Amino acid sequence: MRAVAQEAGVAVGNAYYYFGSKEHLIQEFYAETQQEHREAAAPVLARERDFAPRLAGVLHAGVDVLSPYHSFAGTFFKTAAEPTSPLSPFSTESSAPREASVSLFREVLAGSTAKLDDELRESLPELLWLGYMGVVLYWVHDRSPGQVKTRQLIDGVVPLVDRLVGLSRLRVLRPVTRQALSVIHTLRH
């Protein structure tokens, strides 16, 4: 909070007027970052109808938005990774930014021409968000110049996800899809 107050040119007490704690400050960071992610993804969502380019565009936009924070992402992640931390992306306190992110992946799917199993359609945005959390975790650890390996990960995984989503409609794979959805439902409740 001292560093934030100093950067803002206000007393520490004034910083606490706007943010009750560093956790509140980070939650605001989550909310602003999510809004920036949505804005950065808007052009690809407006232009593309195919599922794979929409998903790739949103994932790349997320990395673009996070890039300025890479130097301290590891330190930040230590706190956010603690299961009891209010800064965990899975915490109750993080529910609004998490839902905003899931909503963005819902938009990826809704605006696409993807044909998929109807039962998967409801859960897929949350699964895509979980995949995005995996990309973010990889990005945190990526020491390649400009985190180019994270970009390669996105470009390699998106076609696989696209194919799996398309295959979900095949009758022979419906039992596997149902089993996966059952696991998700069990974990959620």
Protein backbone atom coordinates (compact mmCIF):
# COMPACT_ATOMS: atom_id res chain seq x y z
CA MET A 1 0.00 0.00 0.00
CA ARG A 2 2.94 2.34 0.67
CA ALA A 3 4.21 1.85 -2.88
CA VAL A 4 0.74 2.46 -4.32
CA ALA A 5 0.31 5.60 -2.23
CA GLN A 6 3.74 6.87 -3.22
CA GLU A 7 3.10 6.22 -6.92
CA ALA A 8 -0.28 7.96 -6.68
CA GLY A 9 1.26 10.88 -4.80
CA VAL A 10 -1.00 10.51 -1.77
CA ALA A 11 -0.51 9.61 1.88
CA VAL A 12 -0.87 5.94 2.85
CA GLY A 13 -3.99 6.87 4.84
CA ASN A 14 -5.55 8.33 1.69
CA ALA A 15 -4.76 5.15 -0.23
CA TYR A 16 -6.71 3.20 2.40
CA TYR A 17 -9.62 5.58 1.87
CA TYR A 18 -9.99 4.17 -1.64
CA PHE A 19 -8.92 0.59 -0.88
CA GLY A 20 -9.49 -0.90 2.57
CA SER A 21 -6.60 -3.35 2.16
CA LYS A 22 -4.12 -4.69 -0.35
CA GLU A 23 -6.62 -7.49 -1.06
CA HIS A 24 -9.21 -4.88 -2.10
CA LEU A 25 -6.63 -3.25 -4.30
CA ILE A 26 -5.80 -6.57 -6.00
CA GLN A 27 -9.51 -7.34 -6.48
CA GLU A 28 -9.82 -3.98 -8.25
CA PHE A 29 -6.77 -4.95 -10.35
CA TYR A 30 -8.58 -8.20 -11.28
CA ALA A 31 -11.70 -6.26 -12.28
CA GLU A 32 -9.79 -3.70 -14.35
CA THR A 33 -7.63 -6.35 -16.01
CA GLN A 34 -10.74 -8.31 -16.94
CA GLN A 35 -12.30 -5.20 -18.48
CA GLU A 36 -9.10 -4.55 -20.44
CA HIS A 37 -9.13 -8.19 -21.59
CA ARG A 38 -12.70 -7.83 -22.87
CA GLU A 39 -11.81 -4.62 -24.72
CA ALA A 40 -8.66 -6.16 -26.23
CA ALA A 41 -10.65 -9.21 -27.38
CA ALA A 42 -13.53 -7.20 -28.89
CA PRO A 43 -12.01 -6.76 -32.38
CA VAL A 44 -11.44 -10.49 -32.90
CA LEU A 45 -14.90 -11.32 -31.56
CA ALA A 46 -16.46 -8.78 -33.92
CA ARG A 47 -14.52 -10.03 -36.93
CA GLU A 48 -14.37 -13.84 -36.52
CA ARG A 49 -17.15 -16.41 -36.52
CA ASP A 50 -15.11 -19.61 -36.45
CA PHE A 51 -14.55 -20.96 -32.94
CA ALA A 52 -10.76 -21.51 -33.15
CA PRO A 53 -9.79 -17.97 -34.22
CA ARG A 54 -12.18 -16.51 -31.63
CA LEU A 55 -10.67 -18.63 -28.86
CA ALA A 56 -7.08 -17.96 -29.96
CA GLY A 57 -7.79 -14.24 -30.20
CA VAL A 58 -9.23 -14.09 -26.70
CA LEU A 59 -6.34 -16.09 -25.23
CA HIS A 60 -3.75 -13.93 -26.98
CA ALA A 61 -5.60 -10.78 -25.85
CA GLY A 62 -5.39 -12.02 -22.27
CA VAL A 63 -1.62 -12.45 -22.55
CA ASP A 64 -1.34 -9.02 -24.17
CA VAL A 65 -3.17 -7.41 -21.25
CA LEU A 66 -1.11 -9.26 -18.65
CA SER A 67 2.27 -8.66 -20.30
CA PRO A 68 3.14 -5.42 -18.46
CA TYR A 69 2.83 -7.31 -15.16
CA HIS A 70 5.05 -10.27 -16.00
CA SER A 71 8.01 -9.08 -13.92
CA PHE A 72 6.08 -9.45 -10.66
CA ALA A 73 3.64 -12.17 -11.70
CA GLY A 74 5.56 -14.90 -9.88
CA THR A 75 5.49 -13.05 -6.57
CA PHE A 76 1.82 -12.26 -7.01
CA PHE A 77 1.04 -15.86 -7.98
CA LYS A 78 2.47 -17.18 -4.69
CA THR A 79 -0.29 -15.37 -2.81
CA ALA A 80 -3.05 -16.09 -5.33
CA ALA A 81 -2.16 -19.81 -5.39
CA GLU A 82 -2.85 -20.20 -1.67
CA PRO A 83 -6.27 -21.97 -1.53
CA THR A 84 -7.49 -19.91 1.44
CA SER A 85 -6.36 -16.59 -0.03
CA PRO A 86 -9.08 -14.11 -0.98
CA LEU A 87 -6.84 -13.40 -4.00
CA SER A 88 -7.23 -16.92 -5.37
CA PRO A 89 -9.09 -16.84 -8.70
CA PHE A 90 -11.36 -19.52 -7.17
CA SER A 91 -12.22 -17.55 -3.99
CA THR A 92 -15.59 -16.07 -3.18
CA GLU A 93 -13.98 -12.63 -3.19
CA SER A 94 -12.85 -13.18 -6.79
CA SER A 95 -16.26 -14.34 -8.00
CA ALA A 96 -17.15 -11.14 -9.91
CA PRO A 97 -13.95 -10.99 -12.02
CA ARG A 98 -14.09 -14.78 -12.48
CA GLU A 99 -17.66 -14.61 -13.77
CA ALA A 100 -16.72 -11.73 -16.07
CA SER A 101 -13.95 -13.90 -17.52
CA VAL A 102 -16.22 -16.94 -17.90
CA SER A 103 -18.71 -14.60 -19.59
CA LEU A 104 -16.04 -13.63 -22.12
CA PHE A 105 -15.54 -17.30 -22.97
CA ARG A 106 -19.32 -17.69 -23.16
CA GLU A 107 -19.21 -14.92 -25.78
CA VAL A 108 -16.45 -16.78 -27.66
CA LEU A 109 -18.77 -19.75 -28.00
CA ALA A 110 -22.07 -17.92 -28.50
CA GLY A 111 -20.82 -15.83 -31.40
CA SER A 112 -19.17 -18.75 -33.15
CA THR A 113 -20.44 -21.20 -35.72
CA ALA A 114 -19.19 -24.10 -33.56
CA LYS A 115 -21.37 -27.15 -33.58
CA LEU A 116 -21.06 -29.12 -30.38
CA ASP A 117 -22.90 -31.39 -28.03
CA ASP A 118 -25.78 -29.44 -26.47
CA GLU A 119 -24.93 -30.57 -22.95
CA LEU A 120 -21.33 -29.43 -23.38
CA ARG A 121 -22.43 -25.97 -24.52
CA GLU A 122 -23.45 -24.95 -21.00
CA SER A 123 -20.22 -26.05 -19.30
CA LEU A 124 -17.71 -25.24 -22.03
CA PRO A 125 -17.21 -21.54 -21.12
CA GLU A 126 -16.14 -22.52 -17.61
CA LEU A 127 -13.85 -25.22 -19.02
CA LEU A 128 -12.33 -22.67 -21.38
CA TRP A 129 -11.75 -20.33 -18.43
CA LEU A 130 -9.99 -23.14 -16.56
CA GLY A 131 -7.85 -23.68 -19.64
CA TYR A 132 -7.08 -19.96 -19.66
CA MET A 133 -5.99 -20.24 -16.02
CA GLY A 134 -3.56 -22.95 -17.18
CA VAL A 135 -2.24 -20.63 -19.88
CA VAL A 136 -1.78 -17.87 -17.28
CA LEU A 137 0.11 -20.26 -15.00
CA TYR A 138 2.38 -21.26 -17.89
CA TRP A 139 2.85 -17.55 -18.73
CA VAL A 140 3.89 -16.82 -15.12
CA HIS A 141 6.72 -19.36 -15.48
CA ASP A 142 7.60 -18.54 -19.10
CA ARG A 143 11.04 -16.90 -19.24
CA SER A 144 11.29 -16.92 -23.04
CA PRO A 145 11.73 -13.48 -24.64
CA GLY A 146 8.33 -11.81 -24.80
CA GLN A 147 6.84 -15.05 -23.43
CA VAL A 148 6.86 -16.44 -26.98
CA LYS A 149 6.48 -19.98 -25.64
CA THR A 150 3.13 -19.04 -24.12
CA ARG A 151 2.03 -17.81 -27.55
CA GLN A 152 3.20 -21.12 -29.03
CA LEU A 153 1.23 -22.98 -26.38
CA ILE A 154 -1.93 -21.09 -27.32
CA ASP A 155 -1.38 -21.66 -31.04
CA GLY A 156 -0.78 -25.37 -30.47
CA VAL A 157 -3.62 -26.05 -28.05
CA VAL A 158 -6.45 -24.10 -29.72
CA PRO A 159 -6.68 -26.40 -32.79
CA LEU A 160 -6.85 -29.41 -30.44
CA VAL A 161 -9.63 -27.83 -28.39
CA ASP A 162 -11.45 -26.91 -31.61
CA ARG A 163 -11.30 -30.51 -32.83
CA LEU A 164 -12.43 -31.92 -29.48
CA VAL A 165 -15.35 -29.51 -29.37
CA GLY A 166 -16.38 -30.55 -32.88
CA LEU A 167 -15.98 -34.25 -32.07
CA SER A 168 -18.24 -33.88 -29.02
CA ARG A 169 -21.24 -34.23 -31.34
CA LEU A 170 -20.27 -37.71 -32.48
CA ARG A 171 -22.52 -40.36 -31.01
CA VAL A 172 -19.54 -42.58 -30.19
CA LEU A 173 -18.00 -39.84 -27.99
CA ARG A 174 -21.18 -38.83 -26.16
CA PRO A 175 -20.53 -41.20 -23.24
CA VAL A 176 -17.08 -39.64 -22.75
CA THR A 177 -18.59 -36.15 -22.93
CA ARG A 178 -21.28 -37.11 -20.39
CA GLN A 179 -18.65 -38.58 -18.07
CA ALA A 180 -16.54 -35.41 -18.25
CA LEU A 181 -19.60 -33.27 -17.56
CA SER A 182 -20.50 -35.50 -14.61
CA VAL A 183 -17.04 -34.95 -13.11
CA ILE A 184 -17.41 -31.19 -13.58
CA HIS A 185 -20.86 -31.23 -11.98
CA THR A 186 -19.54 -33.24 -9.01
CA LEU A 187 -16.64 -30.84 -8.48
CA ARG A 188 -18.90 -27.81 -8.71
CA HIS A 189 -21.41 -29.02 -6.11
